[in-house]
Amino acid sequence: MVRLRNRLVVVAETRVGDPAELDRIRTAIAAASSTLLDAAPDDIVLAPPHSVLKTSSGKIRRVATRQRYEGG
């Protein structure tokens, strides 16, 4: 998850291509976010594998991911 100027954006990687399954995943993410954070995400991005940038130790590069999101 990445917070952008008081916005909650969830970026999740998936190999799923079926539109109905992607909708189910988005619904599940929105429900989990509402339950855990008491806030619905402003945007949910389902990206292909290896789209979320990581450090060499495997941690998410949040700033770089936010910049990629903001850039489209």
C-alpha atoms as a PDB file:
ATOM      1  CA  MET A   1       0.000   0.000   0.000  1.00  0.00           C
ATOM      2  CA  VAL A   2       1.142   3.508  -0.739  1.00  0.00           C
ATOM      3  CA  ARG A   3      -0.304   6.680   0.808  1.00  0.00           C
ATOM      4  CA  LEU A   4      -0.388   9.671  -1.555  1.00  0.00           C
ATOM      5  CA  ARG A   5      -1.276  13.009  -0.037  1.00  0.00           C
ATOM      6  CA  ASN A   6      -3.999  11.494   2.125  1.00  0.00           C
ATOM      7  CA  ARG A   7      -4.910   8.954  -0.547  1.00  0.00           C
ATOM      8  CA  LEU A   8      -4.770   5.221  -0.007  1.00  0.00           C
ATOM      9  CA  VAL A   9      -3.629   3.320  -3.086  1.00  0.00           C
ATOM     10  CA  VAL A  10      -3.223  -0.452  -3.079  1.00  0.00           C
ATOM     11  CA  VAL A  11      -0.858  -1.905  -5.673  1.00  0.00           C
ATOM     12  CA  ALA A  12      -1.024  -5.684  -5.888  1.00  0.00           C
ATOM     13  CA  GLU A  13       0.655  -8.040  -8.316  1.00  0.00           C
ATOM     14  CA  THR A  14      -1.319 -10.830  -9.941  1.00  0.00           C
ATOM     15  CA  ARG A  15      -1.064 -13.240 -12.843  1.00  0.00           C
ATOM     16  CA  VAL A  16      -4.853 -13.376 -13.148  1.00  0.00           C
ATOM     17  CA  GLY A  17      -6.213 -12.158 -16.474  1.00  0.00           C
ATOM     18  CA  ASP A  18      -9.892 -13.059 -16.221  1.00  0.00           C
ATOM     19  CA  PRO A  19     -11.924  -9.819 -15.789  1.00  0.00           C
ATOM     20  CA  ALA A  20     -14.440 -11.453 -13.433  1.00  0.00           C
ATOM     21  CA  GLU A  21     -11.655 -12.766 -11.213  1.00  0.00           C
ATOM     22  CA  LEU A  22      -9.919  -9.373 -11.237  1.00  0.00           C
ATOM     23  CA  ASP A  23     -13.181  -7.769 -10.061  1.00  0.00           C
ATOM     24  CA  ARG A  24     -13.418 -10.368  -7.277  1.00  0.00           C
ATOM     25  CA  ILE A  25      -9.853  -9.560  -6.192  1.00  0.00           C
ATOM     26  CA  ARG A  26     -10.578  -5.803  -6.188  1.00  0.00           C
ATOM     27  CA  THR A  27     -13.709  -6.393  -4.086  1.00  0.00           C
ATOM     28  CA  ALA A  28     -11.767  -8.540  -1.613  1.00  0.00           C
ATOM     29  CA  ILE A  29      -9.003  -5.929  -1.305  1.00  0.00           C
ATOM     30  CA  ALA A  30     -11.545  -3.154  -0.714  1.00  0.00           C
ATOM     31  CA  ALA A  31     -13.320  -5.235   1.951  1.00  0.00           C
ATOM     32  CA  ALA A  32     -10.061  -6.136   3.714  1.00  0.00           C
ATOM     33  CA  SER A  33      -8.932  -2.526   3.663  1.00  0.00           C
ATOM     34  CA  SER A  34     -12.213  -1.340   5.131  1.00  0.00           C
ATOM     35  CA  THR A  35     -12.059  -3.983   7.857  1.00  0.00           C
ATOM     36  CA  LEU A  36      -8.409  -3.540   8.790  1.00  0.00           C
ATOM     37  CA  LEU A  37      -7.951   0.196   8.274  1.00  0.00           C
ATOM     38  CA  ASP A  38     -11.486   1.581   8.544  1.00  0.00           C
ATOM     39  CA  ALA A  39     -10.824   3.199   5.169  1.00  0.00           C
ATOM     40  CA  ALA A  40     -11.625   2.237   1.612  1.00  0.00           C
ATOM     41  CA  PRO A  41      -8.785   2.540  -0.901  1.00  0.00           C
ATOM     42  CA  ASP A  42      -8.960   5.469  -3.295  1.00  0.00           C
ATOM     43  CA  ASP A  43      -7.508   3.253  -6.012  1.00  0.00           C
ATOM     44  CA  ILE A  44      -6.659  -0.418  -6.428  1.00  0.00           C
ATOM     45  CA  VAL A  45      -4.075  -1.284  -9.069  1.00  0.00           C
ATOM     46  CA  LEU A  46      -3.721  -4.917 -10.097  1.00  0.00           C
ATOM     47  CA  ALA A  47      -0.391  -5.081 -11.857  1.00  0.00           C
ATOM     48  CA  PRO A  48       1.486  -7.897 -13.588  1.00  0.00           C
ATOM     49  CA  PRO A  49       4.183  -9.776 -11.636  1.00  0.00           C
ATOM     50  CA  HIS A  50       7.434  -7.896 -10.937  1.00  0.00           C
ATOM     51  CA  SER A  51       5.730  -4.483 -11.306  1.00  0.00           C
ATOM     52  CA  VAL A  52       6.183  -3.522  -7.669  1.00  0.00           C
ATOM     53  CA  LEU A  53       9.731  -2.269  -7.274  1.00  0.00           C
ATOM     54  CA  LYS A  54      11.803  -3.856  -4.504  1.00  0.00           C
ATOM     55  CA  THR A  55      15.199  -3.426  -2.902  1.00  0.00           C
ATOM     56  CA  SER A  56      17.894  -6.075  -3.228  1.00  0.00           C
ATOM     57  CA  SER A  57      16.762  -7.467   0.129  1.00  0.00           C
ATOM     58  CA  GLY A  58      13.154  -7.787  -1.116  1.00  0.00           C
ATOM     59  CA  LYS A  59      11.568  -4.817   0.656  1.00  0.00           C
ATOM     60  CA  ILE A  60       9.051  -2.722  -1.264  1.00  0.00           C
ATOM     61  CA  ARG A  61      10.473   0.539  -2.607  1.00  0.00           C
ATOM     62  CA  ARG A  62       7.490   2.662  -1.593  1.00  0.00           C
ATOM     63  CA  VAL A  63       8.741   5.993  -2.932  1.00  0.00           C
ATOM     64  CA  ALA A  64       9.686   4.469  -6.294  1.00  0.00           C
ATOM     65  CA  THR A  65       6.347   2.626  -6.462  1.00  0.00           C
ATOM     66  CA  ARG A  66       4.494   5.869  -5.679  1.00  0.00           C
ATOM     67  CA  GLN A  67       6.439   7.688  -8.404  1.00  0.00           C
ATOM     68  CA  ARG A  68       5.628   4.922 -10.886  1.00  0.00           C
ATOM     69  CA  TYR A  69       1.935   5.114  -9.927  1.00  0.00           C
ATOM     70  CA  GLU A  70       1.855   8.898 -10.253  1.00  0.00           C
ATOM     71  CA  GLY A  71       3.552   8.643 -13.643  1.00  0.00           C
ATOM     72  CA  GLY A  72       0.838   6.357 -14.929  1.00  0.00           C
END
